[in-house]
Amino acid sequence: MQPQIAPPSNIRSSGLALARFFGALCAGLLVAGAITAARAQPASVKPGSQPGAQVAPQAVPGFWDPRRRPDRPDLSRLTGIRFITETDYPPFNFTGPDGNPAGFNVDLARMICEEIKVTCTIQMRRFETLVDAINANRGDAVIASMSVTPQTRARLDFTDPYYRAPARFVSRRDAVMPEVRPEYLSGKKVGAVAGSAHEAYLKSQFTDAQVVSFPNDEALRSALRRGEVDFIFGDAISLAFWISGTDSGDCCGFSGGPFVESRYFGEGVGIGVKRGNDILRQAINWAMFRLWEKGRYTDLWLRYFSVSPF
């Protein structure tokens, strides 16, 4: 299912149908909306890539603005954080081989506790029970790929976003473009899932392109592989994993950069706390900034994601 213009409460509903085959994570941009200089590390050449093909660097977007360094909050009242997350949404959160919680969100939660120097527990629950658990004091913070929307803000307070779900264009490898502008796609066939925010964005911003609608992601990607469309436009997270996986047959690559307009693609994903719990929210914001500043967030990113949605 693709994202609708009104962002849903869980980023899974925003084009992450990949969760069942080890989904993906995408990183957020600056909280203030400005893009910081991204750290970049070279990506390895994929087996079977054409000789001489230019390989884009593995970009790690900046999540926090170094000019807006948060003050260290009063941590004396924090003795521990009870994180709760979802039961089965790999690679964000899942049960590891030892029976304990694992995944990107889980590792980030543990790193936050280490930075604050407090004890940390992580409990797994069904997604639909998480907000009620926080408000019933059965947990302190929810880290479960929960999208920040007016609806979720009405029930929880959120930290700064720590990732977002951008949109990107994909083309066949022999037609990859370094930049995509509306005038570049004039007369081109561009596929999108019918009824999605991606389709709506194309119709609003790429008015001279020929938008071709498909019932689902599988049909959309198959059309690109067969050359029935020139480009497809969709969720960059799932597309990154499709490009690097066997289903793509190494046919395709990203064209241009990410599109992150919040009206279409959401505000991002944050950690939710009980409304009014400013001490915990500020402590987590401070810890996440510190993790990014020290490079630990970058290390975590690169450990999980070999193809950047950005």
C-alpha atoms as a PDB file:
ATOM      1  CA  MET A   1       0.000   0.000   0.000  1.00  0.00           C
ATOM      2  CA  GLN A   2       1.318   3.445  -0.920  1.00  0.00           C
ATOM      3  CA  PRO A   3       1.158   6.595   1.178  1.00  0.00           C
ATOM      4  CA  GLN A   4      -1.961   8.662   0.997  1.00  0.00           C
ATOM      5  CA  ILE A   5      -1.860  12.456   1.173  1.00  0.00           C
ATOM      6  CA  ALA A   6      -2.989  12.314   4.787  1.00  0.00           C
ATOM      7  CA  PRO A   7      -0.023  10.508   6.385  1.00  0.00           C
ATOM      8  CA  PRO A   8      -1.005   7.436   8.413  1.00  0.00           C
ATOM      9  CA  SER A   9      -0.023   6.853  12.026  1.00  0.00           C
ATOM     10  CA  ASN A  10       2.452   4.084  11.226  1.00  0.00           C
ATOM     11  CA  ILE A  11       5.092   4.477   8.575  1.00  0.00           C
ATOM     12  CA  ARG A  12       4.361   0.885   7.547  1.00  0.00           C
ATOM     13  CA  SER A  13       1.251   2.190   5.849  1.00  0.00           C
ATOM     14  CA  SER A  14       3.422   4.640   3.926  1.00  0.00           C
ATOM     15  CA  GLY A  15       4.709   2.334   1.249  1.00  0.00           C
ATOM     16  CA  LEU A  16       6.538  -0.182   3.406  1.00  0.00           C
ATOM     17  CA  ALA A  17       4.979  -3.362   2.141  1.00  0.00           C
ATOM     18  CA  LEU A  18       8.532  -4.735   2.215  1.00  0.00           C
ATOM     19  CA  ALA A  19       8.435  -5.361   5.907  1.00  0.00           C
ATOM     20  CA  ARG A  20       7.676  -9.019   5.401  1.00  0.00           C
ATOM     21  CA  PHE A  21      10.852  -9.549   3.372  1.00  0.00           C
ATOM     22  CA  PHE A  22      13.036  -7.442   5.562  1.00  0.00           C
ATOM     23  CA  GLY A  23      11.779  -3.956   4.829  1.00  0.00           C
ATOM     24  CA  ALA A  24      13.876  -0.854   5.052  1.00  0.00           C
ATOM     25  CA  LEU A  25      14.593   2.261   6.889  1.00  0.00           C
ATOM     26  CA  CYS A  26      15.047   5.681   5.567  1.00  0.00           C
ATOM     27  CA  ALA A  27      16.714   8.518   7.234  1.00  0.00           C
ATOM     28  CA  GLY A  28      15.251  11.903   8.028  1.00  0.00           C
ATOM     29  CA  LEU A  29      16.500  15.252   7.013  1.00  0.00           C
ATOM     30  CA  LEU A  30      17.039  18.219   9.293  1.00  0.00           C
ATOM     31  CA  VAL A  31      14.383  18.932  11.876  1.00  0.00           C
ATOM     32  CA  ALA A  32      14.425  22.552  10.791  1.00  0.00           C
ATOM     33  CA  GLY A  33      13.903  21.459   7.198  1.00  0.00           C
ATOM     34  CA  ALA A  34      17.339  22.427   5.957  1.00  0.00           C
ATOM     35  CA  ILE A  35      19.608  19.689   4.714  1.00  0.00           C
ATOM     36  CA  THR A  36      22.951  19.447   6.438  1.00  0.00           C
ATOM     37  CA  ALA A  37      26.010  18.247   4.642  1.00  0.00           C
ATOM     38  CA  ALA A  38      25.622  14.512   4.405  1.00  0.00           C
ATOM     39  CA  ARG A  39      28.398  12.185   5.349  1.00  0.00           C
ATOM     40  CA  ALA A  40      29.141   9.947   2.409  1.00  0.00           C
ATOM     41  CA  GLN A  41      31.001   6.699   2.162  1.00  0.00           C
ATOM     42  CA  PRO A  42      31.649   4.862  -1.087  1.00  0.00           C
ATOM     43  CA  ALA A  43      29.256   2.073  -1.935  1.00  0.00           C
ATOM     44  CA  SER A  44      30.659  -1.232  -3.081  1.00  0.00           C
ATOM     45  CA  VAL A  45      30.127  -2.302  -6.679  1.00  0.00           C
ATOM     46  CA  LYS A  46      27.386  -4.868  -6.940  1.00  0.00           C
ATOM     47  CA  PRO A  47      28.239  -8.213  -8.529  1.00  0.00           C
ATOM     48  CA  GLY A  48      27.151  -8.173 -12.142  1.00  0.00           C
ATOM     49  CA  SER A  49      27.260  -4.374 -12.498  1.00  0.00           C
ATOM     50  CA  GLN A  50      28.385  -3.137 -15.889  1.00  0.00           C
ATOM     51  CA  PRO A  51      32.130  -2.393 -16.065  1.00  0.00           C
ATOM     52  CA  GLY A  52      32.832   1.290 -15.812  1.00  0.00           C
ATOM     53  CA  ALA A  53      29.390   2.081 -14.445  1.00  0.00           C
ATOM     54  CA  GLN A  54      29.463   5.033 -12.101  1.00  0.00           C
ATOM     55  CA  VAL A  55      28.627   4.016  -8.548  1.00  0.00           C
ATOM     56  CA  ALA A  56      26.977   6.598  -6.344  1.00  0.00           C
ATOM     57  CA  PRO A  57      28.422   7.062  -2.870  1.00  0.00           C
ATOM     58  CA  GLN A  58      26.528   5.657   0.071  1.00  0.00           C
ATOM     59  CA  ALA A  59      25.033   8.841   1.488  1.00  0.00           C
ATOM     60  CA  VAL A  60      24.169   9.148   5.140  1.00  0.00           C
ATOM     61  CA  PRO A  61      21.889  12.201   5.407  1.00  0.00           C
ATOM     62  CA  GLY A  62      22.320  14.674   8.224  1.00  0.00           C
ATOM     63  CA  PHE A  63      19.509  14.340  10.703  1.00  0.00           C
ATOM     64  CA  TRP A  64      20.299  17.209  13.047  1.00  0.00           C
ATOM     65  CA  ASP A  65      21.489  20.751  12.533  1.00  0.00           C
ATOM     66  CA  PRO A  66      24.907  21.319  14.167  1.00  0.00           C
ATOM     67  CA  ARG A  67      23.933  24.972  14.567  1.00  0.00           C
ATOM     68  CA  ARG A  68      21.044  23.945  16.823  1.00  0.00           C
ATOM     69  CA  ARG A  69      22.901  21.972  19.434  1.00  0.00           C
ATOM     70  CA  PRO A  70      20.452  21.145  22.241  1.00  0.00           C
ATOM     71  CA  ASP A  71      21.397  22.058  25.784  1.00  0.00           C
ATOM     72  CA  ARG A  72      22.097  19.164  28.094  1.00  0.00           C
ATOM     73  CA  PRO A  73      18.856  18.644  30.047  1.00  0.00           C
ATOM     74  CA  ASP A  74      18.608  17.816  33.717  1.00  0.00           C
ATOM     75  CA  LEU A  75      19.057  14.046  33.699  1.00  0.00           C
ATOM     76  CA  SER A  76      19.102  13.599  37.464  1.00  0.00           C
ATOM     77  CA  ARG A  77      15.435  12.598  37.568  1.00  0.00           C
ATOM     78  CA  LEU A  78      15.873   9.878  34.952  1.00  0.00           C
ATOM     79  CA  THR A  79      16.862   6.506  36.363  1.00  0.00           C
ATOM     80  CA  GLY A  80      15.677   4.308  33.509  1.00  0.00           C
ATOM     81  CA  ILE A  81      13.679   4.267  30.287  1.00  0.00           C
ATOM     82  CA  ARG A  82      11.077   1.643  29.486  1.00  0.00           C
ATOM     83  CA  PHE A  83      10.977   1.521  25.702  1.00  0.00           C
ATOM     84  CA  ILE A  84       8.209  -0.346  23.937  1.00  0.00           C
ATOM     85  CA  THR A  85       8.223  -1.383  20.301  1.00  0.00           C
ATOM     86  CA  GLU A  86       6.326  -3.557  17.855  1.00  0.00           C
ATOM     87  CA  THR A  87       6.581  -7.314  17.764  1.00  0.00           C
ATOM     88  CA  ASP A  88       7.319  -8.102  14.125  1.00  0.00           C
ATOM     89  CA  TYR A  89       8.473  -5.425  11.703  1.00  0.00           C
ATOM     90  CA  PRO A  90      11.965  -6.281  10.456  1.00  0.00           C
ATOM     91  CA  PRO A  91      14.500  -4.767  10.158  1.00  0.00           C
ATOM     92  CA  PHE A  92      13.127  -2.088  12.475  1.00  0.00           C
ATOM     93  CA  ASN A  93      12.114  -4.444  15.281  1.00  0.00           C
ATOM     94  CA  PHE A  94      11.816  -8.220  15.501  1.00  0.00           C
ATOM     95  CA  THR A  95      12.653 -11.128  17.783  1.00  0.00           C
ATOM     96  CA  GLY A  96      16.313 -12.108  17.476  1.00  0.00           C
ATOM     97  CA  PRO A  97      17.692 -15.641  17.463  1.00  0.00           C
ATOM     98  CA  ASP A  98      18.190 -15.459  21.237  1.00  0.00           C
ATOM     99  CA  GLY A  99      14.539 -14.528  21.777  1.00  0.00           C
ATOM    100  CA  ASN A 100      15.302 -10.905  22.668  1.00  0.00           C
ATOM    101  CA  PRO A 101      14.154  -7.767  20.811  1.00  0.00           C
ATOM    102  CA  ALA A 102      16.390  -6.827  17.892  1.00  0.00           C
ATOM    103  CA  GLY A 103      16.454  -4.421  14.968  1.00  0.00           C
ATOM    104  CA  PHE A 104      17.345  -0.855  14.032  1.00  0.00           C
ATOM    105  CA  ASN A 105      14.880   0.745  16.452  1.00  0.00           C
ATOM    106  CA  VAL A 106      15.977  -1.558  19.264  1.00  0.00           C
ATOM    107  CA  ASP A 107      19.663  -0.809  18.725  1.00  0.00           C
ATOM    108  CA  LEU A 108      18.927   2.917  18.642  1.00  0.00           C
ATOM    109  CA  ALA A 109      16.960   2.681  21.906  1.00  0.00           C
ATOM    110  CA  ARG A 110      19.870   0.939  23.609  1.00  0.00           C
ATOM    111  CA  MET A 111      22.314   3.536  22.314  1.00  0.00           C
ATOM    112  CA  ILE A 112      20.096   6.322  23.666  1.00  0.00           C
ATOM    113  CA  CYS A 113      20.108   4.721  27.111  1.00  0.00           C
ATOM    114  CA  GLU A 114      23.888   4.324  26.977  1.00  0.00           C
ATOM    115  CA  GLU A 115      24.298   7.997  26.090  1.00  0.00           C
ATOM    116  CA  ILE A 116      22.016   9.135  28.912  1.00  0.00           C
ATOM    117  CA  LYS A 117      23.640   6.544  31.214  1.00  0.00           C
ATOM    118  CA  VAL A 118      20.408   5.016  32.497  1.00  0.00           C
ATOM    119  CA  THR A 119      19.073   1.483  32.578  1.00  0.00           C
ATOM    120  CA  CYS A 120      17.000   0.451  29.626  1.00  0.00           C
ATOM    121  CA  THR A 121      14.256  -2.103  29.058  1.00  0.00           C
ATOM    122  CA  ILE A 122      12.643  -2.881  25.722  1.00  0.00           C
ATOM    123  CA  GLN A 123       9.301  -4.668  25.566  1.00  0.00           C
ATOM    124  CA  MET A 124       7.544  -5.797  22.401  1.00  0.00           C
ATOM    125  CA  ARG A 125       3.789  -5.311  21.901  1.00  0.00           C
ATOM    126  CA  ARG A 126       1.294  -5.284  19.064  1.00  0.00           C
ATOM    127  CA  PHE A 127       1.473  -1.965  17.257  1.00  0.00           C
ATOM    128  CA  GLU A 128      -2.142  -1.025  17.907  1.00  0.00           C
ATOM    129  CA  THR A 129      -1.603  -1.265  21.684  1.00  0.00           C
ATOM    130  CA  LEU A 130       1.485   0.942  21.940  1.00  0.00           C
ATOM    131  CA  VAL A 131      -0.117   4.359  22.420  1.00  0.00           C
ATOM    132  CA  ASP A 132      -2.507   3.068  25.063  1.00  0.00           C
ATOM    133  CA  ALA A 133       0.403   1.395  26.868  1.00  0.00           C
ATOM    134  CA  ILE A 134       2.272   4.705  27.107  1.00  0.00           C
ATOM    135  CA  ASN A 135      -0.784   6.559  28.369  1.00  0.00           C
ATOM    136  CA  ALA A 136      -1.494   3.791  30.908  1.00  0.00           C
ATOM    137  CA  ASN A 137       2.092   4.083  32.230  1.00  0.00           C
ATOM    138  CA  ARG A 138       3.080   0.621  31.007  1.00  0.00           C
ATOM    139  CA  GLY A 139       6.012   2.159  29.164  1.00  0.00           C
ATOM    140  CA  ASP A 140       7.874   5.446  28.910  1.00  0.00           C
ATOM    141  CA  ALA A 141       8.690   5.796  25.218  1.00  0.00           C
ATOM    142  CA  VAL A 142       7.520   4.102  22.023  1.00  0.00           C
ATOM    143  CA  ILE A 143      10.091   3.524  19.290  1.00  0.00           C
ATOM    144  CA  ALA A 144       8.195   1.651  16.598  1.00  0.00           C
ATOM    145  CA  SER A 145       8.388   3.524  13.280  1.00  0.00           C
ATOM    146  CA  MET A 146       5.436   5.693  14.282  1.00  0.00           C
ATOM    147  CA  SER A 147       4.767   8.582  11.936  1.00  0.00           C
ATOM    148  CA  VAL A 148       4.334  12.053  13.396  1.00  0.00           C
ATOM    149  CA  THR A 149       0.921  13.314  12.269  1.00  0.00           C
ATOM    150  CA  PRO A 150      -1.751  15.590  13.716  1.00  0.00           C
ATOM    151  CA  GLN A 151      -3.575  12.427  14.814  1.00  0.00           C
ATOM    152  CA  THR A 152      -0.624  10.916  16.686  1.00  0.00           C
ATOM    153  CA  ARG A 153       0.355  14.320  18.129  1.00  0.00           C
ATOM    154  CA  ALA A 154      -3.068  14.469  19.741  1.00  0.00           C
ATOM    155  CA  ARG A 155      -2.217  11.393  21.822  1.00  0.00           C
ATOM    156  CA  LEU A 156       1.557  11.592  22.326  1.00  0.00           C
ATOM    157  CA  ASP A 157       4.401  14.088  22.330  1.00  0.00           C
ATOM    158  CA  PHE A 158       7.248  13.309  19.938  1.00  0.00           C
ATOM    159  CA  THR A 159      10.968  13.780  19.789  1.00  0.00           C
ATOM    160  CA  ASP A 160      12.669  15.250  16.776  1.00  0.00           C
ATOM    161  CA  PRO A 161      12.300  12.936  13.758  1.00  0.00           C
ATOM    162  CA  TYR A 162      15.048  10.375  13.315  1.00  0.00           C
ATOM    163  CA  TYR A 163      14.047   9.251   9.834  1.00  0.00           C
ATOM    164  CA  ARG A 164      11.637  10.073   7.062  1.00  0.00           C
ATOM    165  CA  ALA A 165      10.181   8.240   4.072  1.00  0.00           C
ATOM    166  CA  PRO A 166      11.152  10.176   0.946  1.00  0.00           C
ATOM    167  CA  ALA A 167      10.041   9.461  -2.598  1.00  0.00           C
ATOM    168  CA  ARG A 168      12.393   8.827  -5.523  1.00  0.00           C
ATOM    169  CA  PHE A 169      12.431   8.057  -9.214  1.00  0.00           C
ATOM    170  CA  VAL A 170      13.852   4.792 -10.529  1.00  0.00           C
ATOM    171  CA  SER A 171      14.813   4.093 -14.126  1.00  0.00           C
ATOM    172  CA  ARG A 172      16.588   1.335 -15.996  1.00  0.00           C
ATOM    173  CA  ARG A 173      20.346   1.501 -15.477  1.00  0.00           C
ATOM    174  CA  ASP A 174      21.047   2.674 -19.036  1.00  0.00           C
ATOM    175  CA  ALA A 175      18.772   5.688 -18.494  1.00  0.00           C
ATOM    176  CA  VAL A 176      19.767   6.847 -14.986  1.00  0.00           C
ATOM    177  CA  MET A 177      19.700  10.635 -14.608  1.00  0.00           C
ATOM    178  CA  PRO A 178      21.738  12.527 -11.998  1.00  0.00           C
ATOM    179  CA  GLU A 179      18.933  15.048 -11.569  1.00  0.00           C
ATOM    180  CA  VAL A 180      15.191  14.922 -12.226  1.00  0.00           C
ATOM    181  CA  ARG A 181      13.153  18.027 -12.962  1.00  0.00           C
ATOM    182  CA  PRO A 182       9.640  18.301 -14.406  1.00  0.00           C
ATOM    183  CA  GLU A 183      10.957  19.527 -17.761  1.00  0.00           C
ATOM    184  CA  TYR A 184      13.281  16.524 -18.025  1.00  0.00           C
ATOM    185  CA  LEU A 185      10.341  14.113 -17.925  1.00  0.00           C
ATOM    186  CA  SER A 186       8.147  15.883 -20.461  1.00  0.00           C
ATOM    187  CA  GLY A 187       6.470  13.220 -22.589  1.00  0.00           C
ATOM    188  CA  LYS A 188       8.037  10.383 -20.571  1.00  0.00           C
ATOM    189  CA  LYS A 189       5.964   7.520 -19.196  1.00  0.00           C
ATOM    190  CA  VAL A 190       6.206   7.600 -15.404  1.00  0.00           C
ATOM    191  CA  GLY A 191       4.581   4.867 -13.325  1.00  0.00           C
ATOM    192  CA  ALA A 192       3.083   5.169  -9.856  1.00  0.00           C
ATOM    193  CA  VAL A 193       0.666   3.164  -7.735  1.00  0.00           C
ATOM    194  CA  ALA A 194      -2.916   4.280  -8.271  1.00  0.00           C
ATOM    195  CA  GLY A 195      -4.354   6.405  -5.469  1.00  0.00           C
ATOM    196  CA  SER A 196      -0.985   6.953  -3.820  1.00  0.00           C
ATOM    197  CA  ALA A 197       0.610  10.181  -2.664  1.00  0.00           C
ATOM    198  CA  HIS A 198       3.273   9.525  -5.268  1.00  0.00           C
ATOM    199  CA  GLU A 199       0.705   9.524  -8.045  1.00  0.00           C
ATOM    200  CA  ALA A 200      -0.858  12.713  -6.649  1.00  0.00           C
ATOM    201  CA  TYR A 201       2.544  14.396  -6.488  1.00  0.00           C
ATOM    202  CA  LEU A 202       3.343  13.492 -10.085  1.00  0.00           C
ATOM    203  CA  LYS A 203       0.024  14.842 -11.320  1.00  0.00           C
ATOM    204  CA  SER A 204       0.564  18.063  -9.381  1.00  0.00           C
ATOM    205  CA  GLN A 205       4.235  18.739 -10.119  1.00  0.00           C
ATOM    206  CA  PHE A 206       5.152  16.754 -13.269  1.00  0.00           C
ATOM    207  CA  THR A 207       2.251  17.884 -15.404  1.00  0.00           C
ATOM    208  CA  ASP A 208       3.940  17.246 -18.769  1.00  0.00           C
ATOM    209  CA  ALA A 209       4.838  13.656 -17.948  1.00  0.00           C
ATOM    210  CA  GLN A 210       2.551  10.791 -18.953  1.00  0.00           C
ATOM    211  CA  VAL A 211       1.537   9.294 -15.599  1.00  0.00           C
ATOM    212  CA  VAL A 212       0.749   5.580 -15.821  1.00  0.00           C
ATOM    213  CA  SER A 213      -1.092   4.052 -12.849  1.00  0.00           C
ATOM    214  CA  PHE A 214      -0.593   0.518 -11.526  1.00  0.00           C
ATOM    215  CA  PRO A 215      -2.577  -1.440  -8.932  1.00  0.00           C
ATOM    216  CA  ASN A 216       0.393  -2.286  -6.691  1.00  0.00           C
ATOM    217  CA  ASP A 217       4.171  -2.126  -6.291  1.00  0.00           C
ATOM    218  CA  GLU A 218       4.790  -5.486  -7.935  1.00  0.00           C
ATOM    219  CA  ALA A 219       3.005  -4.458 -11.122  1.00  0.00           C
ATOM    220  CA  LEU A 220       4.765  -1.087 -11.073  1.00  0.00           C
ATOM    221  CA  ARG A 221       8.236  -2.565 -10.828  1.00  0.00           C
ATOM    222  CA  SER A 222       7.543  -5.293 -13.365  1.00  0.00           C
ATOM    223  CA  ALA A 223       6.521  -2.640 -15.877  1.00  0.00           C
ATOM    224  CA  LEU A 224       9.857  -0.876 -15.457  1.00  0.00           C
ATOM    225  CA  ARG A 225      11.792  -4.115 -15.845  1.00  0.00           C
ATOM    226  CA  ARG A 226       9.922  -4.843 -19.081  1.00  0.00           C
ATOM    227  CA  GLY A 227      10.506  -1.318 -20.395  1.00  0.00           C
ATOM    228  CA  GLU A 228       6.804  -0.431 -20.460  1.00  0.00           C
ATOM    229  CA  VAL A 229       7.520   2.827 -18.596  1.00  0.00           C
ATOM    230  CA  ASP A 230      10.556   5.089 -18.556  1.00  0.00           C
ATOM    231  CA  PHE A 231      10.518   5.784 -14.819  1.00  0.00           C
ATOM    232  CA  ILE A 232       8.668   4.767 -11.714  1.00  0.00           C
ATOM    233  CA  PHE A 233       8.096   6.996  -8.690  1.00  0.00           C
ATOM    234  CA  GLY A 234       7.521   5.598  -5.240  1.00  0.00           C
ATOM    235  CA  ASP A 235       8.672   4.997  -1.695  1.00  0.00           C
ATOM    236  CA  ALA A 236      12.451   5.254  -1.622  1.00  0.00           C
ATOM    237  CA  ILE A 237      12.813   2.792   1.238  1.00  0.00           C
ATOM    238  CA  SER A 238      11.175  -0.144  -0.471  1.00  0.00           C
ATOM    239  CA  LEU A 239      12.706   0.814  -3.818  1.00  0.00           C
ATOM    240  CA  ALA A 240      16.210   0.800  -2.305  1.00  0.00           C
ATOM    241  CA  PHE A 241      15.755  -2.777  -1.173  1.00  0.00           C
ATOM    242  CA  TRP A 242      14.181  -3.807  -4.475  1.00  0.00           C
ATOM    243  CA  ILE A 243      17.111  -2.322  -6.424  1.00  0.00           C
ATOM    244  CA  SER A 244      19.653  -4.189  -4.306  1.00  0.00           C
ATOM    245  CA  GLY A 245      17.678  -7.435  -4.150  1.00  0.00           C
ATOM    246  CA  THR A 246      17.352 -10.329  -6.536  1.00  0.00           C
ATOM    247  CA  ASP A 247      13.812  -9.417  -7.648  1.00  0.00           C
ATOM    248  CA  SER A 248      15.107  -6.454  -9.640  1.00  0.00           C
ATOM    249  CA  GLY A 249      17.545  -8.540 -11.653  1.00  0.00           C
ATOM    250  CA  ASP A 250      20.001  -5.648 -11.338  1.00  0.00           C
ATOM    251  CA  CYS A 251      17.922  -3.829 -13.940  1.00  0.00           C
ATOM    252  CA  CYS A 252      17.497  -0.460 -12.413  1.00  0.00           C
ATOM    253  CA  GLY A 253      18.818   2.375 -10.288  1.00  0.00           C
ATOM    254  CA  PHE A 254      17.761   5.619  -8.667  1.00  0.00           C
ATOM    255  CA  SER A 255      17.494   8.714 -10.841  1.00  0.00           C
ATOM    256  CA  GLY A 256      17.825  12.080  -9.172  1.00  0.00           C
ATOM    257  CA  GLY A 257      17.543  12.703  -5.467  1.00  0.00           C
ATOM    258  CA  PRO A 258      14.857  12.396  -2.785  1.00  0.00           C
ATOM    259  CA  PHE A 259      11.563  14.260  -2.626  1.00  0.00           C
ATOM    260  CA  VAL A 260      10.463  15.009   0.933  1.00  0.00           C
ATOM    261  CA  GLU A 261       7.516  17.407   0.733  1.00  0.00           C
ATOM    262  CA  SER A 262       5.718  16.831   4.003  1.00  0.00           C
ATOM    263  CA  ARG A 263       2.243  17.476   2.557  1.00  0.00           C
ATOM    264  CA  TYR A 264       2.650  14.356   0.462  1.00  0.00           C
ATOM    265  CA  PHE A 265       5.256  12.256   2.236  1.00  0.00           C
ATOM    266  CA  GLY A 266       4.771  13.019   5.939  1.00  0.00           C
ATOM    267  CA  GLU A 267       6.658  14.848   8.707  1.00  0.00           C
ATOM    268  CA  GLY A 268       8.870  11.923   9.620  1.00  0.00           C
ATOM    269  CA  VAL A 269       9.149   9.328  12.354  1.00  0.00           C
ATOM    270  CA  GLY A 270       9.822  10.167  15.990  1.00  0.00           C
ATOM    271  CA  ILE A 271       9.913   8.559  19.421  1.00  0.00           C
ATOM    272  CA  GLY A 272       6.628   9.036  21.268  1.00  0.00           C
ATOM    273  CA  VAL A 273       6.311   9.855  24.973  1.00  0.00           C
ATOM    274  CA  LYS A 274       3.366  10.658  27.207  1.00  0.00           C
ATOM    275  CA  ARG A 275       2.060  14.153  26.631  1.00  0.00           C
ATOM    276  CA  GLY A 276       3.744  16.639  28.926  1.00  0.00           C
ATOM    277  CA  ASN A 277       6.773  14.446  29.628  1.00  0.00           C
ATOM    278  CA  ASP A 278       9.187  17.117  28.473  1.00  0.00           C
ATOM    279  CA  ILE A 279      12.067  15.840  30.601  1.00  0.00           C
ATOM    280  CA  LEU A 280      12.183  12.515  28.794  1.00  0.00           C
ATOM    281  CA  ARG A 281      11.503  14.003  25.369  1.00  0.00           C
ATOM    282  CA  GLN A 282      14.315  16.539  25.757  1.00  0.00           C
ATOM    283  CA  ALA A 283      16.689  13.905  27.141  1.00  0.00           C
ATOM    284  CA  ILE A 284      16.094  11.661  24.119  1.00  0.00           C
ATOM    285  CA  ASN A 285      16.537  14.586  21.725  1.00  0.00           C
ATOM    286  CA  TRP A 286      19.831  15.443  23.403  1.00  0.00           C
ATOM    287  CA  ALA A 287      21.007  11.837  23.291  1.00  0.00           C
ATOM    288  CA  MET A 288      20.132  11.402  19.613  1.00  0.00           C
ATOM    289  CA  PHE A 289      22.022  14.580  18.716  1.00  0.00           C
ATOM    290  CA  ARG A 290      25.041  13.326  20.633  1.00  0.00           C
ATOM    291  CA  LEU A 291      24.897   9.942  18.883  1.00  0.00           C
ATOM    292  CA  TRP A 292      24.796  11.669  15.513  1.00  0.00           C
ATOM    293  CA  GLU A 293      27.586  14.081  16.484  1.00  0.00           C
ATOM    294  CA  LYS A 294      29.842  11.206  17.568  1.00  0.00           C
ATOM    295  CA  GLY A 295      29.215   9.248  14.374  1.00  0.00           C
ATOM    296  CA  ARG A 296      27.472   6.388  16.153  1.00  0.00           C
ATOM    297  CA  TYR A 297      24.228   6.970  14.291  1.00  0.00           C
ATOM    298  CA  THR A 298      26.143   6.836  10.999  1.00  0.00           C
ATOM    299  CA  ASP A 299      27.711   3.536  12.057  1.00  0.00           C
ATOM    300  CA  LEU A 300      24.276   2.151  12.875  1.00  0.00           C
ATOM    301  CA  TRP A 301      22.880   3.319   9.551  1.00  0.00           C
ATOM    302  CA  LEU A 302      25.660   1.741   7.522  1.00  0.00           C
ATOM    303  CA  ARG A 303      25.379  -1.510   9.464  1.00  0.00           C
ATOM    304  CA  TYR A 304      21.765  -1.934   8.419  1.00  0.00           C
ATOM    305  CA  PHE A 305      21.472  -0.322   5.002  1.00  0.00           C
ATOM    306  CA  SER A 306      23.720  -0.905   2.037  1.00  0.00           C
ATOM    307  CA  VAL A 307      21.630   1.089  -0.465  1.00  0.00           C
ATOM    308  CA  SER A 308      20.659   4.579   0.617  1.00  0.00           C
ATOM    309  CA  PRO A 309      17.110   5.793  -0.062  1.00  0.00           C
ATOM    310  CA  PHE A 310      18.730   9.226  -0.243  1.00  0.00           C
END
